[in-house]
Protein backbone atom coordinates (compact mmCIF):
# COMPACT_ATOMS: atom_id res chain seq x y z
CA MET A 1 24.40 1.71 40.64
CA LYS A 2 27.41 1.62 43.11
CA GLN A 3 30.03 0.72 40.91
CA ARG A 4 29.89 2.89 38.06
CA ILE A 5 31.50 1.94 34.51
CA ALA A 6 32.50 5.15 33.05
CA SER A 7 31.81 3.93 29.59
CA VAL A 8 28.46 2.92 30.64
CA ASP A 9 27.29 5.88 31.74
CA LEU A 10 28.80 7.58 28.44
CA LEU A 11 26.72 5.18 26.39
CA ARG A 12 23.85 5.88 28.46
CA GLY A 13 24.05 9.68 28.04
CA ILE A 14 24.76 9.21 24.48
CA THR A 15 21.59 6.85 23.95
CA ILE A 16 19.27 9.31 26.11
CA ALA A 17 20.42 12.23 23.94
CA ALA A 18 19.34 10.22 20.48
CA MET A 19 16.07 9.32 22.15
CA ILE A 20 15.60 13.42 22.67
CA LEU A 21 16.83 14.13 19.39
CA VAL A 22 14.39 11.65 17.30
CA ASN A 23 11.50 12.66 19.62
CA THR A 24 11.60 16.46 19.30
CA PRO A 25 12.37 17.76 15.44
CA GLY A 26 10.67 21.22 14.59
CA ASP A 27 8.83 20.05 12.09
CA TRP A 28 7.80 15.95 12.17
CA GLY A 29 7.03 16.42 8.19
CA SER A 30 10.53 17.49 7.91
CA VAL A 31 13.00 14.79 9.36
CA TYR A 32 15.83 12.97 7.60
CA THR A 33 15.17 9.37 6.98
CA PRO A 34 17.88 8.19 9.67
CA LEU A 35 16.12 10.19 12.44
CA LEU A 36 12.71 8.16 11.79
CA HIS A 37 11.76 4.54 12.69
CA ALA A 38 11.44 1.92 9.79
CA GLU A 39 7.61 1.84 8.69
CA TRP A 40 7.76 -1.97 9.40
CA HIS A 41 10.83 -4.16 8.42
CA GLY A 42 14.04 -2.88 8.45
CA LEU A 43 16.48 -0.88 10.85
CA THR A 44 17.38 2.48 10.87
CA PRO A 45 19.53 4.32 13.38
CA THR A 46 16.60 5.63 15.24
CA ASP A 47 15.59 1.97 15.84
CA LEU A 48 18.78 1.39 17.66
CA ILE A 49 17.99 3.81 20.93
CA PHE A 50 15.22 2.19 22.73
CA PRO A 51 17.15 -1.66 22.32
CA PHE A 52 20.07 0.11 23.73
CA PHE A 53 18.51 1.38 26.41
CA LEU A 54 16.95 -1.65 27.90
CA PHE A 55 20.53 -3.19 27.06
CA ILE A 56 21.93 -0.88 29.19
CA VAL A 57 19.31 -1.32 31.97
CA GLY A 58 20.76 -5.31 32.02
CA ILE A 59 24.24 -3.74 32.57
CA SER A 60 23.09 -1.69 35.67
CA ILE A 61 20.85 -4.69 37.06
CA TYR A 62 24.08 -6.87 37.21
CA TYR A 63 25.92 -4.10 38.85
CA ALA A 64 23.08 -2.82 41.24
CA TYR A 65 22.43 -6.54 42.44
CA LYS A 66 25.65 -8.69 41.99
CA ASN A 67 26.47 -8.85 45.56
CA LYS A 68 22.60 -8.57 46.56
CA ILE A 69 20.88 -11.53 48.33
CA ALA A 70 17.66 -12.35 47.09
CA THR A 71 15.57 -11.27 50.26
CA ARG A 72 12.12 -9.95 50.66
CA LEU A 73 13.52 -6.76 50.89
CA THR A 74 15.28 -6.58 47.51
CA TYR A 75 12.40 -7.88 45.94
CA ARG A 76 10.18 -5.22 47.66
CA LYS A 77 12.75 -2.37 46.27
CA ILE A 78 12.55 -3.94 42.57
CA ALA A 79 9.00 -3.97 42.56
CA VAL A 80 8.53 -0.57 43.88
CA ARG A 81 10.81 0.89 41.28
CA SER A 82 9.49 -1.05 38.52
CA LEU A 83 5.77 0.44 39.60
CA LYS A 84 7.30 3.82 39.74
CA LEU A 85 8.46 3.54 36.07
CA ILE A 86 5.15 2.34 35.12
CA GLY A 87 3.25 4.76 36.94
CA LEU A 88 5.52 7.89 35.44
CA GLY A 89 4.68 6.33 32.09
CA LEU A 90 1.08 6.12 32.73
CA PHE A 91 1.21 9.90 33.72
CA LEU A 92 2.99 10.98 30.76
CA ASN A 93 -0.13 9.25 28.77
CA LEU A 94 -2.59 10.79 30.76
CA PHE A 95 -1.55 14.20 31.65
CA THR A 96 -2.68 17.12 29.30
CA PRO A 97 -1.91 20.48 30.87
CA ILE A 98 -5.14 22.06 30.00
CA PRO A 99 -8.36 21.61 31.53
CA PRO A 100 -9.63 18.86 32.49
CA PHE A 101 -5.48 18.08 32.73
CA ILE A 102 -6.31 14.29 31.75
CA GLU A 103 -6.56 12.48 28.63
CA THR A 104 -9.99 10.79 27.92
CA LEU A 105 -10.17 7.64 29.29
CA GLU A 106 -11.89 5.72 26.46
CA THR A 107 -8.72 6.22 24.03
CA VAL A 108 -5.93 6.75 26.27
CA ARG A 109 -2.69 4.79 25.52
CA ILE A 110 -1.57 2.14 28.18
CA PRO A 111 1.54 0.95 26.71
CA GLY A 112 4.63 2.74 26.46
CA VAL A 113 8.29 3.52 26.92
CA LEU A 114 8.54 3.75 30.64
CA GLN A 115 5.95 0.89 31.01
CA ARG A 116 8.00 -1.48 29.41
CA ILE A 117 10.92 -0.41 31.01
CA GLY A 118 9.42 -1.27 34.41
CA VAL A 119 8.14 -4.50 33.22
CA VAL A 120 11.49 -5.60 31.84
CA PHE A 121 13.46 -4.19 34.70
CA PHE A 122 11.17 -6.10 37.43
CA ILE A 123 11.36 -9.39 35.32
CA THR A 124 15.15 -9.24 34.55
CA SER A 125 16.01 -8.10 38.16
CA TRP A 126 13.93 -11.41 39.32
CA LEU A 127 15.55 -13.70 36.74
CA TYR A 128 19.21 -12.56 37.52
CA LEU A 129 18.82 -13.16 41.07
CA ASN A 130 17.60 -16.51 40.92
CA PHE A 131 19.81 -18.19 38.09
CA LYS A 132 23.27 -18.52 37.02
CA TRP A 133 24.47 -16.94 33.93
CA LYS A 134 24.18 -20.33 31.79
CA VAL A 135 20.74 -20.71 32.78
CA LEU A 136 19.96 -16.84 31.66
CA ALA A 137 21.64 -17.65 28.09
CA ARG A 138 19.06 -20.34 28.10
CA ILE A 139 16.04 -18.17 28.82
CA VAL A 140 17.18 -15.69 25.97
CA ALA A 141 17.38 -18.74 23.70
CA PHE A 142 14.38 -20.21 24.73
CA ILE A 143 12.69 -16.70 24.44
CA LEU A 144 13.66 -15.78 21.04
CA ILE A 145 13.22 -19.34 19.29
CA GLY A 146 9.92 -19.57 21.05
CA TYR A 147 8.89 -15.86 19.57
CA TRP A 148 9.67 -16.79 16.24
CA LEU A 149 7.98 -19.97 16.11
CA PHE A 150 4.90 -18.34 17.74
CA LEU A 151 4.51 -15.53 15.55
CA GLY A 152 5.45 -17.77 12.53
CA PHE A 153 3.68 -20.93 12.64
CA VAL A 154 0.73 -21.01 14.93
CA PRO A 155 -2.58 -20.54 13.37
CA LEU A 156 -4.55 -17.56 14.58
CA PRO A 157 -8.26 -18.39 16.37
CA ASP A 158 -9.82 -18.17 13.22
CA GLY A 159 -7.27 -20.63 11.41
CA THR A 160 -5.50 -18.03 9.19
CA LEU A 161 -1.70 -18.56 9.07
CA PRO A 162 0.26 -16.01 11.06
CA ALA A 163 2.42 -13.38 8.97
CA PHE A 164 5.02 -11.07 10.04
CA GLU A 165 3.18 -8.30 7.98
CA ARG A 166 0.99 -5.67 9.85
CA ALA A 167 -2.56 -6.48 11.36
CA PRO A 168 -4.86 -8.38 10.76
CA ASN A 169 -3.07 -11.75 10.45
CA ASN A 170 -0.31 -11.05 13.22
CA TRP A 171 -0.19 -12.63 16.37
CA SER A 172 1.59 -9.73 18.15
CA ASN A 173 -0.90 -6.91 16.70
CA TYR A 174 -4.16 -9.38 17.24
CA ILE A 175 -3.10 -10.05 21.19
CA ASP A 176 -2.45 -6.10 21.57
CA LEU A 177 -5.90 -5.36 19.97
CA LYS A 178 -7.80 -7.96 22.19
CA LEU A 179 -5.90 -6.71 25.48
CA PHE A 180 -5.74 -2.89 24.77
CA GLY A 181 -8.60 -2.23 22.18
CA LYS A 182 -8.61 1.44 21.88
CA HIS A 183 -5.74 2.13 24.23
CA MET A 184 -2.82 1.66 21.75
CA TRP A 185 -0.50 4.08 20.22
CA GLN A 186 -2.23 3.29 16.54
CA ALA A 187 -5.77 1.68 15.79
CA ASP A 188 -3.99 -1.89 14.59
CA TYR A 189 -0.68 -1.94 16.60
CA ASP A 190 1.85 -0.68 19.39
CA PRO A 191 5.16 -0.82 19.17
CA GLU A 192 5.40 -1.29 23.20
CA GLY A 193 2.81 -3.78 23.10
CA PHE A 194 2.35 -7.26 25.00
CA MET A 195 3.97 -9.71 23.17
CA GLY A 196 7.12 -7.57 22.21
CA THR A 197 7.86 -7.37 26.24
CA PHE A 198 9.07 -10.98 25.84
CA PRO A 199 11.85 -10.69 23.50
CA ALA A 200 12.56 -7.13 25.03
CA ILE A 201 13.40 -9.23 28.18
CA ALA A 202 15.99 -10.98 26.08
CA THR A 203 17.87 -7.59 25.38
CA CYS A 204 18.06 -6.48 29.00
CA ILE A 205 19.36 -10.05 29.81
CA LEU A 206 21.90 -9.97 26.97
CA GLY A 207 22.89 -6.49 28.82
CA VAL A 208 23.12 -8.57 32.17
CA LEU A 209 25.49 -11.12 30.08
CA ILE A 210 27.63 -8.36 28.67
CA ALA A 211 28.10 -6.94 31.87
CA LYS A 212 29.50 -10.51 33.24
CA ILE A 213 32.09 -10.05 30.69
CA LEU A 214 32.98 -6.28 31.69
CA ASP A 215 33.11 -7.01 35.26
CA SER A 216 35.38 -10.51 34.61
CA ARG A 217 38.98 -10.56 35.87
CA GLY A 218 40.54 -11.53 32.70
CA GLY A 219 42.02 -9.22 29.93
CA PHE A 220 41.06 -8.95 26.28
CA LYS A 221 37.65 -7.29 27.12
CA THR A 222 37.55 -5.02 24.28
CA VAL A 223 38.69 -8.10 22.02
CA LYS A 224 35.81 -10.57 23.75
CA LEU A 225 33.19 -7.59 23.57
CA LEU A 226 33.56 -6.92 19.85
CA GLY A 227 33.95 -10.42 19.09
CA ILE A 228 30.59 -11.21 20.68
CA GLY A 229 28.77 -8.32 19.30
CA GLY A 230 30.03 -9.27 15.98
CA VAL A 231 28.71 -12.86 16.38
CA LEU A 232 25.21 -11.59 17.54
CA ILE A 233 25.07 -9.21 14.53
CA ILE A 234 25.93 -11.74 12.14
CA LEU A 235 23.26 -14.69 13.71
CA GLY A 236 20.62 -11.40 13.68
CA TYR A 237 21.32 -11.04 10.11
CA LEU A 238 21.11 -14.76 9.10
CA TRP A 239 17.88 -14.84 10.98
CA HIS A 240 16.66 -11.95 9.25
CA PHE A 241 16.06 -14.13 6.30
CA VAL A 242 13.26 -15.99 7.93
CA PHE A 243 12.63 -13.87 10.66
CA PRO A 244 12.46 -9.85 9.15
CA ILE A 245 14.35 -7.70 11.78
CA ASN A 246 11.16 -5.23 12.77
CA LYS A 247 11.50 -3.10 15.69
CA ALA A 248 7.55 -2.52 15.98
CA LEU A 249 7.59 -6.42 16.51
CA TRP A 250 10.92 -6.46 18.46
CA ASN A 251 11.35 -9.77 17.11
CA SER A 252 14.27 -12.24 17.28
CA SER A 253 16.74 -10.86 14.81
CA PHE A 254 15.96 -7.22 15.91
CA VAL A 255 17.13 -8.11 19.45
CA LEU A 256 20.25 -10.23 18.34
CA VAL A 257 21.14 -7.35 15.68
CA THR A 258 20.60 -4.53 18.04
CA ALA A 259 22.30 -6.19 21.35
CA GLY A 260 25.25 -6.97 19.05
CA ILE A 261 25.74 -3.45 17.64
CA GLY A 262 25.29 -2.31 21.22
CA THR A 263 27.83 -4.25 22.56
CA VAL A 264 30.42 -3.53 19.51
CA ILE A 265 30.00 0.27 20.38
CA LEU A 266 30.15 -0.38 24.08
CA GLY A 267 33.56 -2.09 23.41
CA VAL A 268 35.16 0.65 21.77
CA ILE A 269 33.88 3.35 24.22
CA TYR A 270 35.15 0.86 26.73
CA PHE A 271 38.55 0.62 25.13
CA ILE A 272 38.92 4.54 24.80
CA VAL A 273 37.34 5.39 28.20
CA ASP A 274 37.91 2.93 30.44
CA VAL A 275 40.99 1.49 29.26
CA LYS A 276 43.12 4.44 27.57
CA GLN A 277 41.50 6.74 29.91
CA TRP A 278 40.86 9.05 26.94
CA HIS A 279 38.35 11.41 28.49
CA PHE A 280 35.53 12.64 26.14
CA GLY A 281 32.04 13.23 25.99
CA ALA A 282 31.40 14.06 29.68
CA VAL A 283 28.31 16.01 29.20
CA PHE A 284 26.91 12.96 27.81
CA LYS A 285 27.95 11.13 30.79
CA TYR A 286 26.24 13.47 33.38
CA ALA A 287 22.92 13.10 31.46
CA GLY A 288 23.77 9.13 31.58
CA MET A 289 23.87 9.68 35.41
CA ASN A 290 20.23 11.18 35.67
CA ALA A 291 18.82 9.01 32.09
CA ILE A 292 15.15 8.81 33.70
CA THR A 293 14.68 11.99 35.16
CA VAL A 294 16.14 13.73 31.82
CA TYR A 295 14.10 11.43 29.35
CA PHE A 296 10.67 12.03 31.50
CA LEU A 297 11.01 15.96 31.63
CA SER A 298 11.68 15.88 27.78
CA SER A 299 8.53 13.79 27.34
CA LEU A 300 6.71 15.88 29.66
CA ILE A 301 7.68 19.50 28.46
CA SER A 302 7.48 18.49 24.68
CA LYS A 303 3.89 17.26 25.48
CA ILE A 304 3.08 20.76 27.25
CA PHE A 305 4.79 22.52 24.43
CA TYR A 306 2.60 20.84 21.72
CA VAL A 307 -0.70 21.70 23.66
CA ILE A 308 -0.52 25.09 24.97
CA PRO A 309 -1.37 27.89 22.63
CA VAL A 310 0.15 30.80 21.70
CA GLY A 311 -1.93 33.20 19.89
CA ASN A 312 -4.29 31.94 17.19
CA ALA A 313 -1.89 30.23 14.97
CA TYR A 314 0.75 28.72 17.41
CA ASN A 315 1.38 26.30 20.36
CA ILE A 316 4.57 26.69 22.22
CA HIS A 317 6.51 24.57 20.01
CA SER A 318 5.57 25.80 16.77
CA TRP A 319 6.09 29.34 17.66
CA LEU A 320 9.71 28.66 18.93
CA TYR A 321 10.40 26.52 15.72
CA GLN A 322 8.68 29.15 13.39
CA HIS A 323 10.50 32.32 15.12
CA GLY A 324 13.92 30.64 16.00
CA PHE A 325 14.86 28.24 13.53
CA VAL A 326 12.81 28.54 10.22
CA TYR A 327 14.79 30.68 7.63
CA HIS A 328 13.97 31.01 3.56
CA ASP A 329 17.57 30.00 2.65
CA MET A 330 17.74 26.75 5.02
CA PRO A 331 16.24 23.32 4.07
CA ALA A 332 13.26 22.76 6.16
CA LYS A 333 14.48 19.31 7.25
CA LEU A 334 18.03 21.03 8.47
CA SER A 335 15.98 23.69 10.41
CA SER A 336 14.01 20.85 11.93
CA LEU A 337 17.37 18.92 12.84
CA VAL A 338 18.62 22.38 14.17
CA TYR A 339 15.66 22.82 16.44
CA ALA A 340 16.26 19.07 17.59
CA LEU A 341 19.99 19.50 18.44
CA ALA A 342 19.12 22.65 20.34
CA VAL A 343 16.51 20.80 22.64
CA VAL A 344 19.19 18.24 22.85
CA LEU A 345 21.66 20.52 24.14
CA GLY A 346 19.24 22.05 26.53
CA TYR A 347 18.60 18.67 28.57
CA LEU A 348 22.55 17.91 28.35
CA GLY A 349 22.63 21.33 29.98
CA LEU A 350 20.30 20.02 32.54
CA GLY A 351 22.04 16.89 32.85
CA TYR A 352 25.59 18.83 33.74
CA TYR A 353 23.43 21.40 36.54
CA LEU A 354 22.23 18.01 38.26
CA TYR A 355 25.42 16.71 38.39
CA LYS A 356 27.28 19.95 39.33
CA LYS A 357 24.55 19.87 42.35
CA LYS A 358 25.45 16.35 42.99
CA ILE A 359 21.50 15.59 42.40
CA PHE A 360 20.92 12.11 41.51
CA ILE A 361 17.40 11.25 41.22
CA LYS A 362 16.55 7.47 41.55
CA VAL A 363 13.29 6.26 40.04
C-alpha cells in the first residue's frame, strides 16, 4: 500500500496480535471465555478478529488500486498474490515437522484462514477495479440479503426446511460436506467453508467503502466513521432477531455488526493517531506492516511446537508452558494467558526487527 494511513497499520497490527493471542494459549483447557469463539450463535471479542482483518484487507485494496488501470498486468499481479495466500494456507495444513513431513492426504483440511483471505482478496480487488462505489454497495446488499434468503428459506434437496443451527439441516454445512467431505476442520462444519466466503467478500467490500471515506477531502471523517459504524451495528443487531449472529456461518448480521464495530474502532484510532497526531502503539503498527508474514510464522511455529516431542511427556509447547509459566499459586487460566501474551510479545518484537531492517515482505 503506497499511501500508508497510520491508523490502518495500527489497527491491522492490533488485529494480528489478537489473532496470535487467541491462537496460542498455554493450555486450551484453561482459557478465559472472551478469548474463545462463540460455540455457535453469539459474538465474543475473539469472533471480531478475522472479520476485522478482512475489513482491513478491503481498506488496503482501496489504497493499493485506487489509481490503477484494470490492465492484464494488474489482474495478473492480483491473481499471483491470491494464489500465494492460498498456497501458504494449504502449506500450513499440509506441513508436519516430522517424517513424512506431510499430513495424511485423505483427511487434510482444505479450507483455512489464508485460503479465505486469498479468495476474498482476488474477488474484491476485481470488483473494485470494475465497479463504482454505488454498485459495490448494492453488491454488498445483494450478497447479504441473498445469503439470508438462501440459508433460511430454500429447502434442502430432501425437502427439509433449512435452519440456522448446526448440521444436518444447514445449507452452509451441507454444501461444505459435499465439497470437502473429510477435508474439513470438524466432521460436520468448517468455519472457513465455501458458503461463508460470499458474505466474507461483503465484509471486505465494506472495508473498501470505508476507505473511500477515509480518503475523502471533506471534514468530519471521524464523525462519519462513528456514525456509519453505529448504523451498521444497529442494523446488524436488528437482523440478529431473524438471522442470529454467527461467526461459523459468517452470516449477514455478523457481517454488519463486525464491520460496524471495526469502523467505530478505526474512527477512534484515526482521530487519535491521524488527526491529533498522538503517537502510541507503534509496536503494533510495525507488526501490521508485515501482517501476513507475522501471522504465517506464528501459525507455522505453533504447529512445530505442538508436534516435536521433548522427552517422553512433553512437546516443545507443553514443556515451555509447564516449566516457564505454571505456578502453584497462579490460576490455570491466568498462566495460560500469560504464556499467550509472551508469545504475542515475541512476534511484536519480530515485527519491530523487520521494520528496523526495512524488511517488508509482500505476499
